[in-house]
Amino acid sequence: MNGFVAKGRRGSRKFHLARRGALALVGLASLTAFAATSLPARTPKPDEDISRAAFLQLYRVLTSPRCQNCHPAGDAPLQGDDSHEHLQNVKRGKDGHGVYGMRCDACHQTKNLAGEHMPPGNPKWSLPLPEQKMVFVGRSPGELCRQLKDPKQNGGRTFAMLLDHVANDDLVGWAWNPGDGRTPPPLSRLETAAQMKVWVEGGAACPE
C-alpha cells in the first residue's frame, strides 16, 4: 500500500513540474511576442559613404557652367561654358536683378531667344540676393556641401525644400534647357534630384 502512495506522490510531483515548465514556456513566448509588437523597429543606420558619393555626383552638376554661372563669388554673373565674367559690366544689384540702367530683363526675356549664344531667358532670371549669395564657384566639395546644409546660407531651406528646389523650381530647370550653344549639366534633372535624395537619406554626409 505504501508503495502505491509513494508512486502516486512521485507522479504528482512530475505532473506539477511539467505543468510549471509548460506555463513558463507559454509565458516566455507571450513576452517575446509582446516585445516584438510593442518595441519600435530599428531604423537602419544611414550609409554615409553612399551619401558622400551621391553628393560628389551632385557637385558635378552644381559646379557646371549652367549652375555656377549664376552663383559667382563676386557680384558679376558669369557667361559661357568657360564661365567668363559677364560682358557689359553687369552687376548683381540690391535685389539680384541688376542695377539701374543695366537690369537683367533688359536683355533676358521670359524665354530663350532663338539662335546660338543668344540671350537666355526665364521669367525669374536673376542672381541670388547679395545677403545670401550662395557661392558655388571655387568651393570644394566639402565646403559646398556644408554650405547647402546651413539654413543661414541656403535661404532657410530644409532638406525637403532643397530637394523640391532642385527637382521643380522653374529657373533651376532652365539649366537643362539652356538654348543653343550652351552645354547642359552632366546629369539629367531627374538624375540630379535622385542623387540629392540619396545624399539626404544617407544623412547628408559631406566629403572632407
N, C-alpha and C. Protein backbone atom coordinates (compact mmCIF):
# COMPACT_ATOMS: atom_id res chain seq x y z
N MET A 1 0.83 -1.22 0.00
CA MET A 1 0.00 0.00 0.00
C MET A 1 0.86 1.25 0.00
N ASN A 2 1.87 1.28 0.86
CA ASN A 2 2.76 2.45 0.93
C ASN A 2 3.48 2.67 -0.39
N GLY A 3 3.78 1.59 -1.06
CA GLY A 3 4.45 1.71 -2.36
C GLY A 3 3.59 2.42 -3.36
N PHE A 4 2.28 2.12 -3.38
CA PHE A 4 1.38 2.80 -4.32
C PHE A 4 1.28 4.29 -4.01
N VAL A 5 1.27 4.60 -2.67
CA VAL A 5 1.19 6.02 -2.26
C VAL A 5 2.43 6.78 -2.71
N ALA A 6 3.61 6.18 -2.53
CA ALA A 6 4.87 6.84 -2.91
C ALA A 6 4.93 7.09 -4.40
N LYS A 7 4.49 6.05 -5.15
CA LYS A 7 4.49 6.23 -6.60
C LYS A 7 3.52 7.34 -7.02
N GLY A 8 2.39 7.39 -6.34
CA GLY A 8 1.42 8.45 -6.66
C GLY A 8 1.96 9.83 -6.38
N ARG A 9 2.69 9.95 -5.27
CA ARG A 9 3.28 11.25 -4.93
C ARG A 9 4.33 11.68 -5.96
N ARG A 10 5.18 10.68 -6.34
CA ARG A 10 6.21 11.00 -7.34
C ARG A 10 5.57 11.39 -8.66
N GLY A 11 4.52 10.70 -9.02
CA GLY A 11 3.83 11.04 -10.27
C GLY A 11 3.20 12.42 -10.21
N SER A 12 2.67 12.75 -9.03
CA SER A 12 2.05 14.08 -8.87
C SER A 12 3.08 15.18 -8.99
N ARG A 13 4.29 14.94 -8.36
CA ARG A 13 5.36 15.96 -8.45
C ARG A 13 5.80 16.15 -9.89
N LYS A 14 5.95 15.04 -10.63
CA LYS A 14 6.35 15.14 -12.04
C LYS A 14 5.32 15.92 -12.84
N PHE A 15 4.05 15.67 -12.55
CA PHE A 15 2.98 16.38 -13.28
C PHE A 15 3.05 17.89 -13.04
N HIS A 16 3.24 18.23 -11.74
CA HIS A 16 3.28 19.66 -11.40
C HIS A 16 4.52 20.34 -12.00
N LEU A 17 5.64 19.64 -11.99
CA LEU A 17 6.85 20.21 -12.59
C LEU A 17 6.68 20.41 -14.09
N ALA A 18 6.09 19.42 -14.74
CA ALA A 18 5.85 19.55 -16.18
C ALA A 18 4.90 20.69 -16.47
N ARG A 19 3.89 20.82 -15.61
CA ARG A 19 2.90 21.90 -15.80
C ARG A 19 3.55 23.26 -15.65
N ARG A 20 4.41 23.39 -14.60
CA ARG A 20 5.10 24.67 -14.40
C ARG A 20 6.02 24.99 -15.58
N GLY A 21 6.70 23.97 -16.10
CA GLY A 21 7.58 24.18 -17.25
C GLY A 21 6.81 24.64 -18.47
N ALA A 22 5.65 24.02 -18.69
CA ALA A 22 4.82 24.41 -19.83
C ALA A 22 4.33 25.84 -19.69
N LEU A 23 3.92 26.22 -18.47
CA LEU A 23 3.45 27.59 -18.24
C LEU A 23 4.59 28.59 -18.45
N ALA A 24 5.80 28.20 -18.03
CA ALA A 24 6.95 29.09 -18.21
C ALA A 24 7.22 29.32 -19.70
N LEU A 25 7.12 28.24 -20.49
CA LEU A 25 7.34 28.37 -21.93
C LEU A 25 6.28 29.25 -22.57
N VAL A 26 5.03 29.08 -22.14
CA VAL A 26 3.95 29.93 -22.67
C VAL A 26 4.19 31.39 -22.30
N GLY A 27 4.63 31.61 -21.05
CA GLY A 27 4.91 32.98 -20.62
C GLY A 27 6.04 33.61 -21.40
N LEU A 28 7.10 32.83 -21.65
CA LEU A 28 8.24 33.34 -22.42
C LEU A 28 7.82 33.68 -23.85
N ALA A 29 7.00 32.80 -24.44
CA ALA A 29 6.54 33.05 -25.81
C ALA A 29 5.67 34.30 -25.86
N SER A 30 4.82 34.49 -24.85
CA SER A 30 3.97 35.68 -24.81
C SER A 30 4.79 36.95 -24.65
N LEU A 31 5.82 36.89 -23.79
CA LEU A 31 6.68 38.05 -23.58
C LEU A 31 7.43 38.40 -24.86
N THR A 32 7.93 37.39 -25.56
CA THR A 32 8.64 37.61 -26.82
C THR A 32 7.73 38.25 -27.85
N ALA A 33 6.49 37.73 -27.95
CA ALA A 33 5.54 38.28 -28.91
C ALA A 33 5.19 39.71 -28.56
N PHE A 34 5.03 40.00 -27.25
CA PHE A 34 4.72 41.37 -26.82
C PHE A 34 5.84 42.33 -27.18
N ALA A 35 7.08 41.89 -26.92
CA ALA A 35 8.24 42.74 -27.23
C ALA A 35 8.32 43.01 -28.72
N ALA A 36 8.04 41.98 -29.53
CA ALA A 36 8.14 42.13 -30.98
C ALA A 36 7.12 43.12 -31.51
N THR A 37 5.92 43.14 -30.87
CA THR A 37 4.87 44.05 -31.37
C THR A 37 4.91 45.41 -30.71
N SER A 38 5.52 45.52 -29.53
CA SER A 38 5.49 46.77 -28.78
C SER A 38 6.70 47.65 -29.03
N LEU A 39 7.88 47.06 -29.20
CA LEU A 39 9.08 47.86 -29.37
C LEU A 39 9.16 48.41 -30.79
N PRO A 40 9.56 49.68 -30.95
CA PRO A 40 9.67 50.24 -32.30
C PRO A 40 10.77 49.56 -33.10
N ALA A 41 10.52 49.41 -34.39
CA ALA A 41 11.53 48.80 -35.25
C ALA A 41 12.74 49.71 -35.35
N ARG A 42 13.91 49.12 -35.40
CA ARG A 42 15.14 49.91 -35.50
C ARG A 42 15.26 50.50 -36.90
N THR A 43 15.57 51.77 -36.95
CA THR A 43 15.77 52.43 -38.23
C THR A 43 17.18 52.10 -38.74
N PRO A 44 17.30 51.65 -39.97
CA PRO A 44 18.63 51.34 -40.50
C PRO A 44 19.56 52.56 -40.42
N LYS A 45 20.78 52.32 -40.04
CA LYS A 45 21.75 53.41 -39.95
C LYS A 45 22.04 53.97 -41.34
N PRO A 46 21.97 55.30 -41.49
CA PRO A 46 22.27 55.89 -42.80
C PRO A 46 23.67 55.49 -43.27
N ASP A 47 23.80 55.25 -44.56
CA ASP A 47 25.09 54.88 -45.13
C ASP A 47 25.80 56.15 -45.58
N GLU A 48 26.75 56.60 -44.77
CA GLU A 48 27.42 57.87 -45.05
C GLU A 48 28.32 57.80 -46.28
N ASP A 49 28.89 56.65 -46.55
CA ASP A 49 29.75 56.52 -47.74
C ASP A 49 28.92 56.69 -49.01
N ILE A 50 27.74 56.08 -49.04
CA ILE A 50 26.86 56.23 -50.20
C ILE A 50 26.39 57.68 -50.30
N SER A 51 26.12 58.30 -49.16
CA SER A 51 25.68 59.69 -49.14
C SER A 51 26.76 60.61 -49.71
N ARG A 52 27.99 60.43 -49.29
CA ARG A 52 29.10 61.25 -49.80
C ARG A 52 29.29 61.05 -51.31
N ALA A 53 29.20 59.80 -51.74
CA ALA A 53 29.35 59.52 -53.17
C ALA A 53 28.25 60.21 -53.98
N ALA A 54 27.04 60.22 -53.44
CA ALA A 54 25.93 60.89 -54.12
C ALA A 54 26.17 62.40 -54.20
N PHE A 55 26.72 62.97 -53.14
CA PHE A 55 26.97 64.42 -53.18
C PHE A 55 28.04 64.75 -54.22
N LEU A 56 29.03 63.91 -54.37
CA LEU A 56 30.06 64.17 -55.38
C LEU A 56 29.47 64.20 -56.78
N GLN A 57 28.44 63.39 -57.02
CA GLN A 57 27.73 63.45 -58.30
C GLN A 57 26.95 64.76 -58.41
N LEU A 58 26.32 65.14 -57.33
CA LEU A 58 25.58 66.40 -57.29
C LEU A 58 26.53 67.59 -57.49
N TYR A 59 27.71 67.49 -56.92
CA TYR A 59 28.72 68.56 -57.04
C TYR A 59 29.09 68.81 -58.50
N ARG A 60 29.14 67.75 -59.30
CA ARG A 60 29.45 67.89 -60.73
C ARG A 60 28.42 68.79 -61.42
N VAL A 61 27.18 68.67 -60.99
CA VAL A 61 26.12 69.50 -61.58
C VAL A 61 26.21 70.94 -61.07
N LEU A 62 26.35 71.09 -59.77
CA LEU A 62 26.35 72.43 -59.17
C LEU A 62 27.52 73.29 -59.66
N THR A 63 28.63 72.63 -60.01
CA THR A 63 29.79 73.40 -60.48
C THR A 63 29.92 73.38 -62.00
N SER A 64 28.89 72.91 -62.67
CA SER A 64 28.88 73.03 -64.14
C SER A 64 28.54 74.49 -64.49
N PRO A 65 28.91 74.95 -65.67
CA PRO A 65 28.65 76.35 -66.02
C PRO A 65 27.18 76.76 -65.90
N ARG A 66 26.26 75.86 -66.21
CA ARG A 66 24.84 76.21 -66.18
C ARG A 66 24.37 76.54 -64.77
N CYS A 67 25.05 76.03 -63.77
CA CYS A 67 24.67 76.34 -62.40
C CYS A 67 25.57 77.41 -61.78
N GLN A 68 26.88 77.20 -61.87
CA GLN A 68 27.77 78.12 -61.16
C GLN A 68 27.84 79.50 -61.79
N ASN A 69 27.44 79.66 -63.06
CA ASN A 69 27.49 80.99 -63.68
C ASN A 69 26.56 81.98 -62.97
N CYS A 70 25.53 81.46 -62.32
CA CYS A 70 24.62 82.33 -61.57
C CYS A 70 24.90 82.29 -60.07
N HIS A 71 25.99 81.64 -59.69
CA HIS A 71 26.39 81.58 -58.28
C HIS A 71 27.87 81.97 -58.14
N PRO A 72 28.22 83.17 -58.62
CA PRO A 72 29.63 83.58 -58.61
C PRO A 72 30.07 84.06 -57.23
N ALA A 73 31.38 84.14 -57.07
CA ALA A 73 31.93 84.64 -55.80
C ALA A 73 31.78 86.15 -55.69
N GLY A 74 31.85 86.83 -56.83
CA GLY A 74 31.71 88.28 -56.83
C GLY A 74 30.29 88.72 -57.15
N ASP A 75 30.15 89.95 -57.61
CA ASP A 75 28.83 90.49 -57.91
C ASP A 75 28.53 90.54 -59.40
N ALA A 76 29.41 89.98 -60.21
CA ALA A 76 29.16 89.92 -61.65
C ALA A 76 28.81 88.50 -62.05
N PRO A 77 27.69 88.30 -62.74
CA PRO A 77 27.37 86.95 -63.23
C PRO A 77 28.40 86.49 -64.25
N LEU A 78 28.44 85.20 -64.47
CA LEU A 78 29.38 84.62 -65.43
C LEU A 78 28.64 84.18 -66.68
N GLN A 79 29.39 83.97 -67.76
CA GLN A 79 28.82 83.60 -69.05
C GLN A 79 29.60 82.46 -69.69
N GLY A 80 28.91 81.72 -70.55
CA GLY A 80 29.58 80.76 -71.42
C GLY A 80 30.01 79.49 -70.72
N ASP A 81 30.41 78.53 -71.52
CA ASP A 81 30.90 77.26 -70.98
C ASP A 81 32.25 77.43 -70.29
N ASP A 82 32.93 78.54 -70.55
CA ASP A 82 34.20 78.80 -69.87
C ASP A 82 34.02 79.66 -68.63
N SER A 83 32.77 80.03 -68.31
CA SER A 83 32.44 80.81 -67.11
C SER A 83 33.25 82.10 -67.01
N HIS A 84 33.28 82.86 -68.11
CA HIS A 84 33.95 84.16 -68.06
C HIS A 84 32.99 85.20 -67.48
N GLU A 85 33.54 86.29 -66.99
CA GLU A 85 32.71 87.34 -66.39
C GLU A 85 31.80 87.98 -67.45
N HIS A 86 30.58 88.24 -67.05
CA HIS A 86 29.57 88.80 -67.96
C HIS A 86 30.07 90.10 -68.59
N LEU A 87 29.90 90.19 -69.89
CA LEU A 87 30.27 91.43 -70.59
C LEU A 87 29.28 92.54 -70.22
N GLN A 88 29.53 93.73 -70.66
CA GLN A 88 28.70 94.91 -70.41
C GLN A 88 28.72 95.36 -68.94
N ASN A 89 29.67 94.83 -68.17
CA ASN A 89 29.82 95.26 -66.77
C ASN A 89 28.54 95.06 -65.95
N VAL A 90 27.87 93.95 -66.19
CA VAL A 90 26.63 93.64 -65.46
C VAL A 90 26.96 93.32 -64.01
N LYS A 91 26.11 93.83 -63.08
CA LYS A 91 26.30 93.59 -61.66
C LYS A 91 25.03 93.02 -61.02
N ARG A 92 25.19 92.44 -59.85
CA ARG A 92 24.11 91.77 -59.13
C ARG A 92 22.97 92.73 -58.77
N GLY A 93 23.31 93.85 -58.16
CA GLY A 93 22.29 94.79 -57.68
C GLY A 93 21.72 94.37 -56.33
N LYS A 94 20.94 95.26 -55.73
CA LYS A 94 20.41 95.01 -54.39
C LYS A 94 19.38 93.89 -54.35
N ASP A 95 18.66 93.69 -55.46
CA ASP A 95 17.62 92.67 -55.49
C ASP A 95 17.98 91.46 -56.34
N GLY A 96 19.23 91.42 -56.82
CA GLY A 96 19.68 90.31 -57.65
C GLY A 96 19.29 90.43 -59.11
N HIS A 97 18.60 91.53 -59.47
CA HIS A 97 18.12 91.71 -60.85
C HIS A 97 18.90 92.78 -61.61
N GLY A 98 20.11 93.09 -61.13
CA GLY A 98 20.92 94.09 -61.82
C GLY A 98 20.81 95.46 -61.19
N VAL A 99 21.47 96.44 -61.81
CA VAL A 99 21.48 97.81 -61.31
C VAL A 99 20.76 98.71 -62.31
N TYR A 100 20.49 99.92 -61.88
CA TYR A 100 19.76 100.87 -62.72
C TYR A 100 20.46 101.04 -64.07
N GLY A 101 19.70 100.96 -65.13
CA GLY A 101 20.24 101.11 -66.47
C GLY A 101 20.83 99.83 -67.04
N MET A 102 20.94 98.78 -66.20
CA MET A 102 21.50 97.51 -66.66
C MET A 102 20.80 96.37 -65.92
N ARG A 103 19.47 96.40 -66.00
CA ARG A 103 18.68 95.37 -65.36
C ARG A 103 18.71 94.08 -66.18
N CYS A 104 18.58 92.95 -65.50
CA CYS A 104 18.65 91.65 -66.19
C CYS A 104 17.63 91.55 -67.32
N ASP A 105 16.40 92.02 -67.05
CA ASP A 105 15.34 91.85 -68.05
C ASP A 105 15.46 92.81 -69.24
N ALA A 106 16.51 93.64 -69.24
CA ALA A 106 16.75 94.47 -70.42
C ALA A 106 17.17 93.59 -71.61
N CYS A 107 17.82 92.48 -71.31
CA CYS A 107 18.24 91.55 -72.37
C CYS A 107 17.61 90.17 -72.21
N HIS A 108 17.47 89.72 -70.96
CA HIS A 108 16.95 88.38 -70.70
C HIS A 108 15.43 88.42 -70.62
N GLN A 109 14.80 87.80 -71.60
CA GLN A 109 13.34 87.80 -71.68
C GLN A 109 12.77 86.60 -70.90
N THR A 110 11.50 86.32 -71.10
CA THR A 110 10.85 85.23 -70.36
C THR A 110 11.22 83.85 -70.90
N LYS A 111 11.86 83.80 -72.06
CA LYS A 111 12.33 82.53 -72.61
C LYS A 111 13.58 82.77 -73.45
N ASN A 112 14.27 81.70 -73.79
CA ASN A 112 15.49 81.83 -74.59
C ASN A 112 15.18 82.45 -75.94
N LEU A 113 16.06 83.36 -76.37
CA LEU A 113 15.94 83.88 -77.73
C LEU A 113 16.56 82.88 -78.70
N ALA A 114 15.96 82.76 -79.86
CA ALA A 114 16.43 81.77 -80.85
C ALA A 114 17.81 82.13 -81.37
N GLY A 115 18.63 81.09 -81.59
CA GLY A 115 19.96 81.32 -82.16
C GLY A 115 21.05 80.98 -81.17
N GLU A 116 22.18 80.55 -81.72
CA GLU A 116 23.30 80.16 -80.88
C GLU A 116 23.87 81.34 -80.12
N HIS A 117 24.04 81.15 -78.81
CA HIS A 117 24.63 82.16 -77.90
C HIS A 117 23.77 83.42 -77.78
N MET A 118 22.52 83.36 -78.18
CA MET A 118 21.62 84.49 -77.95
C MET A 118 21.23 84.51 -76.47
N PRO A 119 20.78 85.66 -75.96
CA PRO A 119 20.47 85.75 -74.52
C PRO A 119 19.46 84.69 -74.07
N PRO A 120 19.81 83.97 -73.03
CA PRO A 120 18.85 83.02 -72.46
C PRO A 120 17.77 83.75 -71.68
N GLY A 121 16.69 83.07 -71.38
CA GLY A 121 15.62 83.75 -70.68
C GLY A 121 14.78 82.87 -69.78
N ASN A 122 14.17 83.52 -68.80
CA ASN A 122 13.26 82.88 -67.86
C ASN A 122 12.56 84.02 -67.10
N PRO A 123 11.30 83.86 -66.74
CA PRO A 123 10.62 84.94 -66.01
C PRO A 123 11.29 85.33 -64.69
N LYS A 124 12.05 84.41 -64.10
CA LYS A 124 12.68 84.66 -62.80
C LYS A 124 14.17 84.94 -62.93
N TRP A 125 14.64 85.31 -64.12
CA TRP A 125 16.08 85.45 -64.35
C TRP A 125 16.71 86.44 -63.36
N SER A 126 17.68 85.98 -62.59
CA SER A 126 18.32 86.83 -61.58
C SER A 126 19.46 86.07 -60.92
N LEU A 127 20.19 86.77 -60.08
CA LEU A 127 21.19 86.16 -59.21
C LEU A 127 20.62 86.08 -57.79
N PRO A 128 21.20 85.25 -56.92
CA PRO A 128 20.77 85.28 -55.52
C PRO A 128 20.98 86.67 -54.92
N LEU A 129 20.25 86.96 -53.87
CA LEU A 129 20.38 88.25 -53.20
C LEU A 129 21.78 88.43 -52.63
N PRO A 130 22.26 89.67 -52.52
CA PRO A 130 23.62 89.89 -52.00
C PRO A 130 23.80 89.42 -50.56
N GLU A 131 22.69 89.34 -49.80
CA GLU A 131 22.80 88.87 -48.42
C GLU A 131 23.01 87.36 -48.34
N GLN A 132 22.62 86.65 -49.40
CA GLN A 132 22.77 85.20 -49.44
C GLN A 132 23.21 84.79 -50.85
N LYS A 133 24.46 85.00 -51.14
CA LYS A 133 24.97 84.81 -52.50
C LYS A 133 24.99 83.35 -52.94
N MET A 134 25.02 82.44 -51.99
CA MET A 134 25.07 81.01 -52.33
C MET A 134 26.16 80.74 -53.38
N VAL A 135 27.38 81.06 -53.04
CA VAL A 135 28.51 80.93 -53.96
C VAL A 135 28.81 79.46 -54.24
N PHE A 136 28.89 79.12 -55.52
CA PHE A 136 29.31 77.78 -55.94
C PHE A 136 30.74 77.81 -56.48
N VAL A 137 31.09 78.89 -57.13
CA VAL A 137 32.40 78.99 -57.79
C VAL A 137 33.52 78.94 -56.76
N GLY A 138 34.48 78.04 -56.98
CA GLY A 138 35.65 77.96 -56.12
C GLY A 138 35.46 77.17 -54.85
N ARG A 139 34.27 76.66 -54.62
CA ARG A 139 34.02 75.88 -53.40
C ARG A 139 34.46 74.43 -53.62
N SER A 140 35.13 73.88 -52.61
CA SER A 140 35.47 72.46 -52.65
C SER A 140 34.19 71.66 -52.39
N PRO A 141 34.19 70.35 -52.68
CA PRO A 141 33.00 69.55 -52.39
C PRO A 141 32.55 69.66 -50.93
N GLY A 142 33.49 69.59 -50.00
CA GLY A 142 33.12 69.69 -48.60
C GLY A 142 32.55 71.06 -48.24
N GLU A 143 33.15 72.11 -48.77
CA GLU A 143 32.67 73.46 -48.48
C GLU A 143 31.27 73.69 -49.03
N LEU A 144 31.05 73.25 -50.25
CA LEU A 144 29.74 73.45 -50.86
C LEU A 144 28.68 72.60 -50.16
N CYS A 145 29.05 71.40 -49.76
CA CYS A 145 28.13 70.52 -49.04
C CYS A 145 27.68 71.18 -47.73
N ARG A 146 28.62 71.65 -46.96
CA ARG A 146 28.28 72.28 -45.67
C ARG A 146 27.48 73.56 -45.87
N GLN A 147 27.77 74.27 -46.93
CA GLN A 147 27.03 75.49 -47.24
C GLN A 147 25.57 75.18 -47.56
N LEU A 148 25.35 74.14 -48.35
CA LEU A 148 23.98 73.77 -48.70
C LEU A 148 23.17 73.36 -47.48
N LYS A 149 23.82 72.78 -46.49
CA LYS A 149 23.13 72.31 -45.29
C LYS A 149 22.84 73.43 -44.30
N ASP A 150 23.47 74.56 -44.47
CA ASP A 150 23.36 75.66 -43.49
C ASP A 150 22.17 76.57 -43.84
N PRO A 151 21.10 76.57 -43.04
CA PRO A 151 19.94 77.42 -43.35
C PRO A 151 20.28 78.91 -43.43
N LYS A 152 21.35 79.32 -42.74
CA LYS A 152 21.75 80.72 -42.81
C LYS A 152 22.35 81.09 -44.16
N GLN A 153 22.76 80.07 -44.93
CA GLN A 153 23.37 80.33 -46.23
C GLN A 153 22.55 79.80 -47.40
N ASN A 154 21.52 78.99 -47.12
CA ASN A 154 20.75 78.41 -48.21
C ASN A 154 19.35 78.97 -48.36
N GLY A 155 19.12 80.12 -47.74
CA GLY A 155 17.80 80.74 -47.83
C GLY A 155 16.79 80.17 -46.85
N GLY A 156 17.28 79.55 -45.78
CA GLY A 156 16.39 79.00 -44.77
C GLY A 156 15.70 77.72 -45.21
N ARG A 157 16.25 77.02 -46.18
CA ARG A 157 15.61 75.82 -46.72
C ARG A 157 15.94 74.58 -45.90
N THR A 158 14.93 73.74 -45.71
CA THR A 158 15.13 72.41 -45.15
C THR A 158 15.63 71.49 -46.26
N PHE A 159 15.98 70.26 -45.90
CA PHE A 159 16.40 69.30 -46.93
C PHE A 159 15.27 69.04 -47.92
N ALA A 160 14.04 68.95 -47.41
CA ALA A 160 12.90 68.72 -48.30
C ALA A 160 12.73 69.88 -49.27
N MET A 161 12.96 71.09 -48.79
CA MET A 161 12.83 72.28 -49.63
C MET A 161 13.96 72.34 -50.66
N LEU A 162 15.16 71.93 -50.26
CA LEU A 162 16.28 71.89 -51.21
C LEU A 162 15.99 70.92 -52.34
N LEU A 163 15.47 69.75 -51.97
CA LEU A 163 15.16 68.74 -52.97
C LEU A 163 14.07 69.24 -53.93
N ASP A 164 13.07 69.90 -53.38
CA ASP A 164 12.00 70.45 -54.21
C ASP A 164 12.54 71.54 -55.12
N HIS A 165 13.46 72.34 -54.61
CA HIS A 165 14.06 73.43 -55.39
C HIS A 165 14.79 72.87 -56.61
N VAL A 166 15.57 71.83 -56.38
CA VAL A 166 16.33 71.22 -57.49
C VAL A 166 15.39 70.50 -58.46
N ALA A 167 14.39 69.82 -57.93
CA ALA A 167 13.53 69.00 -58.77
C ALA A 167 12.46 69.78 -59.52
N ASN A 168 12.01 70.94 -58.95
CA ASN A 168 10.82 71.58 -59.50
C ASN A 168 10.91 73.07 -59.80
N ASP A 169 11.91 73.76 -59.26
CA ASP A 169 11.97 75.21 -59.49
C ASP A 169 12.16 75.51 -60.98
N ASP A 170 11.40 76.48 -61.48
CA ASP A 170 11.41 76.78 -62.91
C ASP A 170 12.75 77.34 -63.37
N LEU A 171 13.32 78.24 -62.60
CA LEU A 171 14.60 78.84 -63.01
C LEU A 171 15.72 77.80 -62.95
N VAL A 172 15.72 76.96 -61.92
CA VAL A 172 16.72 75.88 -61.85
C VAL A 172 16.58 74.97 -63.07
N GLY A 173 15.35 74.70 -63.47
CA GLY A 173 15.11 73.84 -64.61
C GLY A 173 15.65 74.37 -65.92
N TRP A 174 15.86 75.69 -66.00
CA TRP A 174 16.43 76.27 -67.22
C TRP A 174 17.76 75.63 -67.57
N ALA A 175 18.53 75.22 -66.55
CA ALA A 175 19.87 74.65 -66.79
C ALA A 175 19.82 73.48 -67.76
N TRP A 176 18.70 72.76 -67.81
CA TRP A 176 18.59 71.61 -68.70
C TRP A 176 17.88 71.98 -70.02
N ASN A 177 17.65 73.27 -70.20
CA ASN A 177 17.11 73.77 -71.47
C ASN A 177 17.75 75.14 -71.74
N PRO A 178 19.09 75.16 -71.87
CA PRO A 178 19.82 76.43 -71.86
C PRO A 178 19.88 77.16 -73.19
N GLY A 179 19.36 76.59 -74.23
CA GLY A 179 19.44 77.25 -75.53
C GLY A 179 20.66 76.79 -76.33
N ASP A 180 20.66 77.15 -77.59
CA ASP A 180 21.73 76.72 -78.49
C ASP A 180 23.09 77.27 -78.06
N GLY A 181 24.11 76.41 -78.18
CA GLY A 181 25.47 76.85 -77.90
C GLY A 181 25.89 76.73 -76.45
N ARG A 182 25.05 76.15 -75.61
CA ARG A 182 25.37 76.00 -74.19
C ARG A 182 25.25 74.53 -73.79
N THR A 183 26.23 74.07 -73.04
CA THR A 183 26.26 72.67 -72.61
C THR A 183 25.44 72.49 -71.34
N PRO A 184 24.49 71.57 -71.33
CA PRO A 184 23.72 71.33 -70.10
C PRO A 184 24.56 70.62 -69.05
N PRO A 185 24.10 70.50 -67.83
CA PRO A 185 24.84 69.81 -66.77
C PRO A 185 25.11 68.34 -67.13
N PRO A 186 26.09 67.73 -66.47
CA PRO A 186 26.49 66.36 -66.82
C PRO A 186 25.47 65.29 -66.44
N LEU A 187 24.53 65.58 -65.56
CA LEU A 187 23.45 64.65 -65.23
C LEU A 187 22.12 65.27 -65.65
N SER A 188 21.15 64.43 -65.96
CA SER A 188 19.81 64.95 -66.25
C SER A 188 19.21 65.52 -64.96
N ARG A 189 18.12 66.25 -65.11
CA ARG A 189 17.48 66.80 -63.92
C ARG A 189 16.95 65.69 -63.02
N LEU A 190 16.38 64.65 -63.62
CA LEU A 190 15.87 63.53 -62.84
C LEU A 190 16.99 62.83 -62.09
N GLU A 191 18.13 62.64 -62.74
CA GLU A 191 19.28 62.01 -62.09
C GLU A 191 19.83 62.89 -60.97
N THR A 192 19.83 64.20 -61.20
CA THR A 192 20.32 65.14 -60.19
C THR A 192 19.46 65.09 -58.94
N ALA A 193 18.14 65.11 -59.12
CA ALA A 193 17.23 65.04 -57.98
C ALA A 193 17.38 63.70 -57.25
N ALA A 194 17.59 62.63 -58.01
CA ALA A 194 17.76 61.30 -57.40
C ALA A 194 19.03 61.25 -56.55
N GLN A 195 20.12 61.83 -57.04
CA GLN A 195 21.36 61.86 -56.28
C GLN A 195 21.21 62.71 -55.02
N MET A 196 20.48 63.81 -55.11
CA MET A 196 20.25 64.64 -53.93
C MET A 196 19.43 63.86 -52.90
N LYS A 197 18.47 63.11 -53.35
CA LYS A 197 17.64 62.30 -52.44
C LYS A 197 18.49 61.26 -51.73
N VAL A 198 19.38 60.59 -52.45
CA VAL A 198 20.28 59.61 -51.84
C VAL A 198 21.18 60.29 -50.82
N TRP A 199 21.68 61.47 -51.18
CA TRP A 199 22.54 62.23 -50.26
C TRP A 199 21.80 62.53 -48.97
N VAL A 200 20.60 63.05 -49.07
CA VAL A 200 19.81 63.43 -47.89
C VAL A 200 19.46 62.20 -47.05
N GLU A 201 18.97 61.14 -47.70
CA GLU A 201 18.53 59.97 -46.97
C GLU A 201 19.70 59.22 -46.30
N GLY A 202 20.91 59.44 -46.79
CA GLY A 202 22.08 58.83 -46.19
C GLY A 202 22.67 59.67 -45.07
N GLY A 203 21.96 60.72 -44.68
CA GLY A 203 22.43 61.56 -43.59
C GLY A 203 23.08 62.85 -44.02
N ALA A 204 22.99 63.17 -45.32
CA ALA A 204 23.60 64.41 -45.86
C ALA A 204 25.06 64.52 -45.44
N ALA A 205 25.79 63.43 -45.61
CA ALA A 205 27.21 63.40 -45.25
C ALA A 205 28.02 64.23 -46.25
N CYS A 206 29.04 64.90 -45.72
CA CYS A 206 29.86 65.78 -46.57
C CYS A 206 31.25 65.18 -46.80
N PRO A 207 31.78 65.32 -48.01
CA PRO A 207 33.17 64.94 -48.24
C PRO A 207 34.10 65.79 -47.36
N GLU A 208 35.26 65.28 -47.11
CA GLU A 208 36.23 66.02 -46.28
C GLU A 208 36.72 67.25 -47.02
